[in-house]
Protein backbone atom coordinates (compact mmCIF):
# COMPACT_ATOMS: atom_id res chain seq x y z
CA MET A 1 52.22 56.44 6.61
CA ARG A 2 49.39 57.19 4.25
CA GLY A 3 48.05 59.88 1.96
CA GLY A 4 51.19 61.42 0.47
CA SER A 5 52.14 65.10 0.61
CA ARG A 6 52.29 68.12 -1.63
CA ASP A 7 55.71 66.98 -2.83
CA ASN A 8 54.71 63.42 -3.68
CA PRO A 9 53.69 62.36 -7.20
CA ALA A 10 50.09 61.33 -7.85
CA LEU A 11 50.95 57.65 -7.53
CA GLU A 12 51.90 58.10 -3.89
CA ALA A 13 48.75 60.12 -3.07
CA ARG A 14 46.44 57.24 -3.89
CA SER A 15 44.14 56.00 -1.07
CA VAL A 16 45.66 52.55 -1.13
CA TYR A 17 49.32 53.61 -1.27
CA ARG A 18 51.38 52.69 1.78
CA PHE A 19 54.89 53.56 2.89
CA GLU A 20 56.85 53.57 6.09
CA ALA A 21 59.62 55.27 8.00
CA PRO A 22 61.20 54.99 11.44
CA PRO A 23 59.13 56.83 14.04
CA SER A 24 62.06 59.11 14.82
CA ASN A 25 62.57 60.09 11.21
CA LEU A 26 62.30 63.79 10.31
CA PHE A 27 61.25 64.54 6.78
CA PRO A 28 62.59 67.59 4.92
CA ASN A 29 60.42 70.33 3.49
CA ASN A 30 57.87 70.10 6.34
CA ASN A 31 55.80 67.54 4.47
CA LEU A 32 54.92 65.15 7.33
CA GLY A 33 52.05 65.67 9.73
CA PHE A 34 49.20 63.74 11.38
CA ARG A 35 45.55 63.74 12.30
CA LEU A 36 43.67 62.30 15.33
CA VAL A 37 40.81 59.91 16.00
CA ARG A 38 38.86 59.02 19.13
CA PRO A 39 36.23 56.38 19.93
CA ASP A 40 32.69 57.18 18.87
CA SER A 41 30.61 57.40 22.09
CA ALA A 42 27.44 56.89 20.10
CA ALA A 43 28.59 53.46 19.03
CA ALA A 44 27.11 51.65 22.05
CA ALA A 45 28.09 48.20 23.16
CA THR A 46 25.51 45.41 23.13
CA TYR A 47 24.67 43.76 26.44
CA ALA A 48 22.63 40.76 27.56
CA VAL A 49 19.81 40.91 30.11
CA THR A 50 19.11 37.39 31.36
CA PHE A 51 16.36 36.20 33.68
CA ASP A 52 16.20 33.68 36.52
CA ILE A 53 12.83 32.62 37.96
CA ASN A 54 14.59 32.04 41.29
CA GLY A 55 13.09 28.79 42.52
CA GLY A 56 9.73 29.27 40.89
CA SER A 57 8.13 27.15 38.22
CA GLY A 58 7.22 28.21 34.71
CA ILE A 59 9.07 29.03 31.49
CA THR A 60 12.18 31.15 32.06
CA PRO A 61 12.06 34.19 29.74
CA SER A 62 14.66 34.32 27.00
CA ALA A 63 17.62 36.67 27.38
CA GLN A 64 17.21 40.07 25.73
CA MET A 65 20.08 41.75 23.85
CA ALA A 66 20.14 45.54 23.75
CA ASN A 67 22.51 48.42 23.21
CA SER A 68 23.73 50.38 26.20
CA GLY A 69 21.35 53.18 27.10
CA THR A 70 18.34 51.66 25.38
CA THR A 71 15.30 50.26 27.20
CA ILE A 72 13.63 46.88 27.20
CA THR A 73 10.28 45.76 28.63
CA LEU A 74 10.67 43.35 31.51
CA PRO A 75 8.67 40.09 31.39
CA SER A 76 5.25 40.15 33.06
CA GLY A 77 5.77 36.90 34.94
CA SER A 78 2.67 35.35 33.44
CA GLY A 79 2.67 31.63 34.18
CA PHE A 80 5.16 31.88 37.07
CA SER A 81 4.27 30.20 40.36
CA LYS A 82 5.85 29.22 43.65
CA THR A 83 3.93 27.52 46.44
CA GLY A 84 3.21 29.95 49.26
CA TYR A 85 4.56 32.95 47.36
CA THR A 86 3.40 35.68 44.99
CA PHE A 87 5.51 36.94 42.07
CA ASP A 88 6.35 40.60 42.66
CA GLY A 89 8.64 41.67 39.82
CA TRP A 90 12.39 41.47 39.35
CA ASN A 91 15.41 42.14 41.51
CA THR A 92 19.13 42.42 40.84
CA ASN A 93 19.85 39.98 43.67
CA SER A 94 18.50 36.46 44.15
CA SER A 95 17.85 37.21 47.83
CA GLY A 96 15.66 40.17 46.91
CA THR A 97 17.95 42.68 48.60
CA GLY A 98 19.01 44.46 45.41
CA THR A 99 17.13 46.95 43.25
CA ASN A 100 13.48 46.12 42.51
CA TYR A 101 11.86 46.49 39.09
CA ASN A 102 8.16 46.04 38.40
CA ALA A 103 7.08 43.32 35.99
CA GLY A 104 6.21 44.81 32.62
CA SER A 105 8.10 48.03 33.32
CA SER A 106 10.85 49.60 31.21
CA TYR A 107 14.43 48.77 32.12
CA THR A 108 17.41 50.81 30.89
CA VAL A 109 20.30 48.58 29.86
CA THR A 110 23.73 49.62 31.14
CA GLY A 111 25.61 46.33 31.11
CA ASP A 112 25.28 42.58 31.28
CA VAL A 113 22.91 41.67 34.11
CA THR A 114 20.83 38.82 35.48
CA LEU A 115 17.46 39.77 36.96
CA TYR A 116 15.88 37.40 39.48
CA ALA A 117 12.19 36.82 40.11
CA LYS A 118 11.17 38.45 43.40
CA TRP A 119 8.85 36.28 45.47
CA ASP A 120 6.75 37.67 48.34
CA ILE A 121 5.38 35.33 50.97
CA GLU A 122 1.60 35.10 50.79
CA SER A 123 0.07 36.29 54.04
CA ILE A 124 -2.85 34.46 55.58
CA TYR A 125 -3.91 37.71 57.26
CA GLU A 126 -5.43 40.54 55.21
CA MET A 127 -4.52 44.06 56.27
CA VAL A 128 -5.44 47.61 55.27
CA PHE A 129 -3.27 50.70 55.49
CA VAL A 130 -4.25 53.27 58.10
CA PRO A 131 -2.69 56.62 57.11
CA GLY A 132 -1.06 58.63 59.87
CA GLY A 133 -2.67 61.72 61.35
CA SER A 134 -4.14 63.19 64.51
CA PHE A 135 -7.38 62.80 66.43
CA GLU A 136 -9.00 63.57 69.76
CA MET A 137 -8.72 60.46 71.91
CA GLY A 138 -11.42 59.87 74.46
CA ASN A 139 -14.97 61.07 74.99
CA PRO A 140 -15.72 64.65 76.09
CA SER A 141 -19.04 63.79 77.75
CA GLY A 142 -21.11 60.75 78.58
CA GLY A 143 -19.67 57.27 78.61
CA GLU A 144 -17.31 56.53 81.47
CA SER A 145 -14.99 58.80 83.42
CA ASN A 146 -11.94 56.77 82.32
CA GLU A 147 -12.52 58.07 78.76
CA ARG A 148 -11.35 61.52 79.90
CA PRO A 149 -9.52 63.85 79.69
CA VAL A 150 -9.80 64.06 75.93
CA HIS A 151 -6.35 64.64 74.47
CA THR A 152 -4.76 65.07 71.04
CA VAL A 153 -2.87 62.04 69.74
CA THR A 154 -0.75 61.97 66.58
CA LEU A 155 0.09 58.62 65.02
CA THR A 156 2.42 57.35 62.33
CA GLY A 157 0.69 55.34 59.60
CA PHE A 158 0.40 51.58 60.10
CA TYR A 159 -1.26 48.46 58.73
CA MET A 160 -4.16 46.90 60.60
CA GLY A 161 -6.02 43.63 60.19
CA LYS A 162 -9.16 44.08 58.12
CA TYR A 163 -10.84 41.48 60.33
CA GLU A 164 -10.37 39.98 63.75
CA VAL A 165 -8.08 36.92 63.69
CA THR A 166 -10.23 33.94 62.71
CA GLN A 167 -10.20 30.41 64.02
CA ALA A 168 -8.84 29.14 60.69
CA GLN A 169 -5.92 31.56 60.88
CA TYR A 170 -5.18 30.73 64.49
CA GLN A 171 -5.27 27.00 63.78
CA ALA A 172 -2.90 27.43 60.82
CA VAL A 173 -0.31 29.22 62.96
CA MET A 174 -0.68 27.63 66.38
CA GLY A 175 -1.93 24.15 65.50
CA THR A 176 -4.77 24.46 68.02
CA ASN A 177 -8.14 26.19 68.33
CA PRO A 178 -9.21 27.11 71.86
CA SER A 179 -12.53 28.66 70.82
CA LYS A 180 -15.85 27.80 72.48
CA PHE A 181 -17.91 28.67 69.40
CA SER A 182 -16.64 26.62 66.47
CA GLY A 183 -16.38 27.95 62.90
CA ILE A 184 -13.45 28.64 60.60
CA ASN A 185 -14.63 32.20 59.85
CA LEU A 186 -15.62 33.01 63.39
CA PRO A 187 -13.14 35.10 65.37
CA VAL A 188 -10.88 33.05 67.59
CA GLU A 189 -11.71 33.50 71.27
CA GLN A 190 -10.64 32.13 74.61
CA VAL A 191 -7.14 33.43 73.90
CA THR A 192 -5.12 35.19 76.58
CA TRP A 193 -2.97 38.24 76.01
CA TYR A 194 0.04 35.95 76.37
CA ASP A 195 -1.34 33.65 73.64
CA ALA A 196 -1.59 36.64 71.33
CA LEU A 197 2.12 37.41 71.78
CA VAL A 198 3.03 33.88 70.73
CA PHE A 199 0.73 34.05 67.71
CA CYS A 200 2.26 37.36 66.58
CA ASN A 201 5.83 36.08 66.59
CA LYS A 202 4.97 32.70 65.10
CA LEU A 203 3.12 34.32 62.19
CA SER A 204 5.96 36.79 61.67
CA ILE A 205 8.51 33.96 61.49
CA MET A 206 6.28 31.99 59.09
CA GLU A 207 6.14 34.96 56.73
CA GLY A 208 9.82 35.90 56.89
CA LEU A 209 9.28 39.05 58.97
CA THR A 210 11.41 40.09 61.93
CA PRO A 211 9.43 39.22 65.08
CA ALA A 212 8.17 42.14 67.15
CA TYR A 213 8.32 40.66 70.64
CA ARG A 214 11.31 39.64 72.75
CA ILE A 215 11.11 37.78 76.05
CA SER A 216 14.24 36.92 78.05
CA GLY A 217 16.42 37.99 75.13
CA SER A 218 14.71 35.76 72.55
CA THR A 219 12.20 36.41 69.76
CA ASP A 220 11.56 32.68 69.30
CA PRO A 221 8.36 31.65 71.09
CA ALA A 222 9.73 28.12 71.43
CA ALA A 223 12.34 29.53 73.80
CA TRP A 224 9.76 31.28 75.99
CA GLY A 225 8.42 28.11 77.54
CA THR A 226 4.81 27.27 78.33
CA VAL A 227 2.29 30.10 78.10
CA PRO A 228 1.63 31.24 81.67
CA THR A 229 -1.68 30.54 83.36
CA SER A 230 -1.05 33.11 86.08
CA SER A 231 0.48 36.56 85.95
CA ASN A 232 4.13 36.15 85.00
CA ALA A 233 6.80 38.79 85.60
CA THR A 234 9.06 37.47 82.82
CA TRP A 235 6.30 37.56 80.22
CA ASN A 236 5.07 40.91 81.53
CA ALA A 237 8.53 42.32 80.82
CA VAL A 238 8.16 41.58 77.09
CA GLU A 239 9.87 44.14 74.86
CA VAL A 240 9.08 45.41 71.37
CA VAL A 241 12.12 44.96 69.13
CA GLY A 242 13.07 48.28 67.59
CA GLY A 243 12.90 48.30 63.79
CA SER A 244 11.10 44.94 63.65
CA THR A 245 8.69 44.39 60.76
CA GLY A 246 6.51 41.68 62.26
CA TYR A 247 2.97 41.47 63.55
CA ARG A 248 1.97 42.89 66.91
CA LEU A 249 -1.05 43.96 68.95
CA PRO A 250 -2.23 47.52 68.35
CA THR A 251 -1.60 50.14 70.95
CA GLU A 252 -4.74 51.52 72.54
CA ALA A 253 -4.23 54.76 70.63
CA GLN A 254 -3.85 52.94 67.31
CA TRP A 255 -6.97 50.94 68.04
CA GLU A 256 -9.18 53.94 68.87
CA TYR A 257 -7.75 56.02 65.99
CA ALA A 258 -8.60 53.23 63.53
CA ALA A 259 -12.02 52.58 65.08
CA LYS A 260 -12.88 56.26 64.70
CA GLY A 261 -11.87 56.23 61.04
CA GLY A 262 -8.40 57.72 61.20
CA ASN A 263 -7.24 61.32 60.81
CA GLY A 264 -9.71 63.75 62.35
CA SER A 265 -12.23 60.99 63.19
CA PRO A 266 -14.39 61.64 60.08
CA GLY A 267 -18.10 61.47 60.92
CA ASN A 268 -17.32 61.48 64.65
CA TYR A 269 -19.43 58.33 64.95
CA THR A 270 -20.33 56.79 68.29
CA TYR A 271 -19.63 53.28 67.00
CA SER A 272 -16.98 52.26 64.50
CA GLY A 273 -18.37 53.59 61.22
CA SER A 274 -21.91 54.50 62.25
CA ASN A 275 -24.20 56.05 64.82
CA THR A 276 -26.54 53.09 64.31
CA VAL A 277 -25.04 50.31 66.36
CA GLY A 278 -26.81 47.43 64.60
CA ASP A 279 -25.29 48.39 61.24
CA VAL A 280 -21.73 47.77 62.39
CA ALA A 281 -21.76 45.64 65.53
CA TRP A 282 -22.71 42.25 66.92
CA TYR A 283 -23.67 42.97 70.53
CA SER A 284 -26.22 41.92 73.13
CA GLY A 285 -28.99 43.79 71.34
CA ASN A 286 -28.85 41.58 68.23
CA VAL A 287 -27.23 38.37 69.49
CA SER A 288 -29.27 35.90 71.52
CA TYR A 289 -27.92 35.27 75.00
CA GLY A 290 -25.21 32.63 74.91
CA SER A 291 -25.27 32.12 71.13
CA GLY A 292 -21.84 33.66 70.73
CA THR A 293 -19.70 35.09 67.97
CA LYS A 294 -20.60 35.67 64.32
CA ALA A 295 -18.54 35.30 61.16
CA VAL A 296 -16.15 38.19 60.71
CA GLY A 297 -17.02 40.84 58.13
CA THR A 298 -20.79 40.29 58.17
CA LYS A 299 -21.59 43.79 59.43
CA ALA A 300 -20.68 46.99 57.59
CA PRO A 301 -17.07 48.23 57.81
CA ASN A 302 -16.00 51.67 58.93
CA GLY A 303 -14.50 54.26 56.59
CA LEU A 304 -11.09 52.55 56.67
CA ASP A 305 -12.64 49.23 55.54
CA LEU A 306 -12.14 47.69 58.97
CA TYR A 307 -14.80 45.24 60.16
CA ASP A 308 -16.06 44.38 63.66
CA MET A 309 -14.16 47.11 65.46
CA SER A 310 -17.38 47.42 67.47
CA GLY A 311 -18.60 44.15 68.96
CA ASN A 312 -18.20 40.46 68.09
CA VAL A 313 -15.12 39.92 70.30
CA VAL A 314 -13.23 42.22 72.63
CA GLU A 315 -9.77 42.87 71.18
CA TRP A 316 -6.58 42.76 73.22
CA CYS A 317 -4.26 45.79 72.87
CA TRP A 318 -0.59 46.13 73.73
CA ASP A 319 -0.83 48.68 76.55
CA TRP A 320 -0.93 48.32 80.27
CA TYR A 321 -4.16 49.95 81.40
CA GLY A 322 -3.72 53.42 82.91
CA SER A 323 -5.42 56.79 83.26
CA TYR A 324 -5.40 59.25 80.38
CA SER A 325 -3.22 62.35 80.39
CA SER A 326 -4.42 65.72 79.14
CA GLU A 327 -1.14 66.29 77.27
CA ALA A 328 -0.81 65.87 73.52
CA GLN A 329 1.01 62.66 72.59
CA THR A 330 2.74 61.16 69.57
CA ASP A 331 2.66 57.38 69.06
CA PRO A 332 1.94 56.66 72.75
CA GLN A 333 2.63 53.18 74.09
CA GLY A 334 0.43 53.35 77.19
CA ALA A 335 1.30 53.07 80.87
CA SER A 336 4.77 51.83 81.80
CA SER A 337 3.41 49.17 84.15
CA GLY A 338 0.20 47.79 85.57
CA SER A 339 -1.74 44.65 86.32
CA ASN A 340 -4.27 44.68 83.47
CA ARG A 341 -3.88 44.96 79.71
CA VAL A 342 -6.19 47.15 77.63
CA ALA A 343 -9.00 45.44 75.71
CA ARG A 344 -11.24 47.39 73.32
CA GLY A 345 -14.35 47.17 71.17
CA GLY A 346 -16.72 45.12 73.28
CA SER A 347 -18.16 41.75 72.32
CA TRP A 348 -21.31 39.89 71.28
CA GLY A 349 -22.38 39.84 74.92
CA TYR A 350 -21.80 43.54 75.69
CA PRO A 351 -24.55 46.15 76.00
CA VAL A 352 -24.63 49.04 73.56
CA GLY A 353 -22.43 51.29 75.70
CA GLY A 354 -19.62 48.76 75.72
CA VAL A 355 -19.19 48.69 71.95
CA ARG A 356 -18.64 52.45 71.53
CA SER A 357 -15.34 53.43 69.87
CA ALA A 358 -14.28 55.41 72.94
CA SER A 359 -15.23 52.75 75.49
CA ARG A 360 -12.26 51.39 77.42
CA GLY A 361 -11.88 47.89 78.81
CA ARG A 362 -9.09 45.99 80.52
CA ASP A 363 -8.38 42.63 82.05
CA ALA A 364 -5.61 40.40 83.36
CA PRO A 365 -3.34 39.04 80.61
CA ILE A 366 -4.24 35.48 81.67
CA LEU A 367 -7.98 35.96 81.05
CA ARG A 368 -9.41 33.30 78.76
CA SER A 369 -12.95 34.28 77.77
CA ASP A 370 -15.35 33.32 74.98
CA GLY A 371 -15.75 37.04 74.31
CA PHE A 372 -12.05 37.93 73.94
CA GLY A 373 -10.02 37.77 70.71
CA PHE A 374 -7.65 40.09 68.89
CA ARG A 375 -6.55 41.67 65.64
CA LEU A 376 -3.03 42.62 64.53
CA VAL A 377 -1.09 45.60 63.25
CA ARG A 378 2.23 46.00 61.45
CA PRO A 379 4.42 49.07 61.01
CA ALA A 380 4.32 50.83 57.66
CA GLN A 381 7.87 49.93 56.53
């Protein structure tokens, strides 16, 4: 007991004076009491934030000590590297499945924690985001009768290849180059629709994405067997895996929406990005007969920064070819069956009418032509 009472002499009221009594003891004259204390919430604990560069190379940042509730600035990652990957900030889990924090951002300390470098696989295929919206699909007059009836289509946003798949990209994924016209920056051609499925899943697997296509219960192209050279019922029954994040062919609606510039078809151009065909397209009017494809991206892009949507090579789409419906649609997937797959955009050998944004083409999925290639899309997840 400390402090003395009103009945104690001055000696016993000194700050350093101590005395004791059994806890059950009752003192006479009501001269024993007490006071309370509680922890001070403002007196914060000090915690350590440590860093792990998670398989990368470079100098691991030093741990930072900070009081609970205060903020620190996370390391920028300058000097970090990992072959085939790009540093993309910090994560609370080494697998990247925890909470993400941007490099150089403020982090509020709440306890001891280790933050791991987050590494994103570098893609060999550049894409641009196509915001969702609505447009009028088809052509109200002129062109071909299969471009009608015009109908309203609404699409969820997606990513689309800025360029057609090049020979260099195809070689890197497939290990072969079937093209007639040789050049690393030329679009790959002489690829069938079936070849494109294999490429999509192989590239997805290479980049750690969940493959989009499933054939006979498998998403592994190695399990699909040899690419068919004639129409194949098993391959024709390919399914899109729900929730998959991987590469795929665009639907016909996605392709035309993107070719026309996206929501509302700004400019309402005849060709992708212009009413002057030679500004945006390689076609029979500016390519000598038989001379073939040109390097991707050498004509002007459309308003979405997409190149060669008109001309150069015809681009395979996902859909079975079928007649248009007059009904409004949301994220349509095309006909449920058929014998030909949609192909859009026209090629270096097509006349001017064939490279219009609304022009529709189709062919058997086994077709292997020096005017046929493809570009890819991915869902916006």
